[in-house]
C-alpha atoms as a PDB file:
ATOM      1  CA  MET A   1       0.000   0.000   0.000  1.00  0.00           C
ATOM      2  CA  ASP A   2       1.526   3.288  -1.077  1.00  0.00           C
ATOM      3  CA  THR A   3      -1.014   5.919   0.013  1.00  0.00           C
ATOM      4  CA  ALA A   4      -1.080   8.838   2.412  1.00  0.00           C
ATOM      5  CA  THR A   5      -2.700   6.642   5.084  1.00  0.00           C
ATOM      6  CA  ASN A   6       0.445   4.522   5.057  1.00  0.00           C
ATOM      7  CA  HIS A   7       3.036   6.055   7.406  1.00  0.00           C
ATOM      8  CA  ALA A   8       5.816   4.501   5.315  1.00  0.00           C
ATOM      9  CA  SER A   9       4.567   6.408   2.266  1.00  0.00           C
ATOM     10  CA  ARG A  10       7.215   8.211   0.221  1.00  0.00           C
ATOM     11  CA  TRP A  11       4.923  11.246  -0.290  1.00  0.00           C
ATOM     12  CA  LEU A  12       6.427  14.550   0.783  1.00  0.00           C
ATOM     13  CA  PHE A  13       3.527  15.783   2.977  1.00  0.00           C
ATOM     14  CA  PRO A  14       1.065  12.924   3.404  1.00  0.00           C
ATOM     15  CA  GLY A  15      -2.210  13.620   5.148  1.00  0.00           C
ATOM     16  CA  ARG A  16      -4.788  11.228   6.519  1.00  0.00           C
ATOM     17  CA  ARG A  17      -6.923  11.159   3.391  1.00  0.00           C
ATOM     18  CA  ALA A  18      -6.976  12.829  -0.006  1.00  0.00           C
ATOM     19  CA  GLY A  19      -7.848  16.498   0.415  1.00  0.00           C
ATOM     20  CA  GLN A  20      -6.849  16.500   4.096  1.00  0.00           C
ATOM     21  CA  PRO A  21      -3.249  17.723   4.273  1.00  0.00           C
ATOM     22  CA  MET A  22      -1.049  17.188   7.285  1.00  0.00           C
ATOM     23  CA  HIS A  23      -1.550  19.720  10.099  1.00  0.00           C
ATOM     24  CA  PRO A  24       1.451  22.053  10.602  1.00  0.00           C
ATOM     25  CA  ASP A  25       1.836  20.882  14.233  1.00  0.00           C
ATOM     26  CA  ALA A  26       2.143  17.259  13.117  1.00  0.00           C
ATOM     27  CA  LEU A  27       4.696  18.217  10.482  1.00  0.00           C
ATOM     28  CA  ALA A  28       6.672  20.281  13.020  1.00  0.00           C
ATOM     29  CA  ALA A  29       6.790  17.312  15.403  1.00  0.00           C
ATOM     30  CA  LEU A  30       8.157  15.056  12.654  1.00  0.00           C
ATOM     31  CA  ILE A  31      10.763  17.634  11.676  1.00  0.00           C
ATOM     32  CA  ASN A  32      11.814  18.059  15.319  1.00  0.00           C
ATOM     33  CA  ASP A  33      12.075  14.272  15.653  1.00  0.00           C
ATOM     34  CA  ILE A  34      14.761  14.175  12.959  1.00  0.00           C
ATOM     35  CA  GLY A  35      16.714  16.955  14.649  1.00  0.00           C
ATOM     36  CA  ILE A  36      15.776  20.068  12.706  1.00  0.00           C
ATOM     37  CA  PRO A  37      14.803  22.990  14.979  1.00  0.00           C
ATOM     38  CA  THR A  38      11.569  24.373  13.515  1.00  0.00           C
ATOM     39  CA  THR A  39      11.691  27.739  15.273  1.00  0.00           C
ATOM     40  CA  ALA A  40      15.176  28.524  14.002  1.00  0.00           C
ATOM     41  CA  GLY A  41      14.239  27.360  10.513  1.00  0.00           C
ATOM     42  CA  ARG A  42      11.071  29.452  10.454  1.00  0.00           C
ATOM     43  CA  THR A  43      12.963  32.530  11.676  1.00  0.00           C
ATOM     44  CA  ALA A  44      15.692  32.080   9.071  1.00  0.00           C
ATOM     45  CA  ALA A  45      13.099  31.625   6.324  1.00  0.00           C
ATOM     46  CA  ILE A  46      11.136  34.781   7.146  1.00  0.00           C
ATOM     47  CA  ARG A  47      14.332  36.825   7.419  1.00  0.00           C
ATOM     48  CA  GLN A  48      15.331  35.624   3.960  1.00  0.00           C
ATOM     49  CA  HIS A  49      11.886  36.536   2.624  1.00  0.00           C
ATOM     50  CA  VAL A  50      12.063  40.102   3.972  1.00  0.00           C
ATOM     51  CA  LEU A  51      15.456  40.528   2.309  1.00  0.00           C
ATOM     52  CA  GLU A  52      13.987  39.526  -1.052  1.00  0.00           C
ATOM     53  CA  MET A  53      10.523  41.132  -0.871  1.00  0.00           C
ATOM     54  CA  PRO A  54       8.942  44.188   0.739  1.00  0.00           C
ATOM     55  CA  ALA A  55       8.082  43.527   4.381  1.00  0.00           C
ATOM     56  CA  PRO A  56       4.354  44.371   3.949  1.00  0.00           C
ATOM     57  CA  VAL A  57       4.092  41.768   1.171  1.00  0.00           C
ATOM     58  CA  VAL A  58       5.686  39.122   3.404  1.00  0.00           C
ATOM     59  CA  ALA A  59       3.385  40.112   6.276  1.00  0.00           C
ATOM     60  CA  GLU A  60       0.282  39.716   4.121  1.00  0.00           C
ATOM     61  CA  ALA A  61       1.415  36.446   2.559  1.00  0.00           C
ATOM     62  CA  LEU A  62       2.437  34.752   5.805  1.00  0.00           C
ATOM     63  CA  GLY A  63      -0.053  36.266   8.224  1.00  0.00           C
ATOM     64  CA  TYR A  64       2.445  38.298  10.229  1.00  0.00           C
ATOM     65  CA  HIS A  65       1.838  41.824  11.501  1.00  0.00           C
ATOM     66  CA  ARG A  66       3.417  44.529   9.333  1.00  0.00           C
ATOM     67  CA  VAL A  67       5.352  45.931  12.292  1.00  0.00           C
ATOM     68  CA  THR A  68       6.853  42.506  12.973  1.00  0.00           C
ATOM     69  CA  THR A  69       8.060  42.029   9.400  1.00  0.00           C
ATOM     70  CA  ALA A  70       9.396  45.598   9.259  1.00  0.00           C
ATOM     71  CA  LYS A  71      11.361  44.916  12.443  1.00  0.00           C
ATOM     72  CA  LEU A  72      12.690  41.625  11.043  1.00  0.00           C
ATOM     73  CA  ALA A  73      13.644  43.351   7.794  1.00  0.00           C
ATOM     74  CA  SER A  74      15.593  45.966   9.733  1.00  0.00           C
ATOM     75  CA  GLU A  75      17.340  43.309  11.822  1.00  0.00           C
ATOM     76  CA  ALA A  76      18.182  41.321   8.687  1.00  0.00           C
ATOM     77  CA  GLY A  77      19.793  44.389   7.086  1.00  0.00           C
ATOM     78  CA  SER A  78      17.116  45.262   4.546  1.00  0.00           C
ATOM     79  CA  ASN A  79      16.549  48.902   3.644  1.00  0.00           C
END
């Protein structure tokens, strides 16, 4: 059996059933289990985004407050 209900599935982000993607908390737990710190990864990713795009665009796309992304952009060295 090679479906998303099979935990040994080779799918990148398997969910329980078709149309029901994996919950972010479940994915974070799996990533932590293999030794990747999710908080540090998320922080690094958003800082990279604010270097490449305007902070308000990143805020809207990712659901962050505009002040937060502006602060992160400043800390990351964006102008």
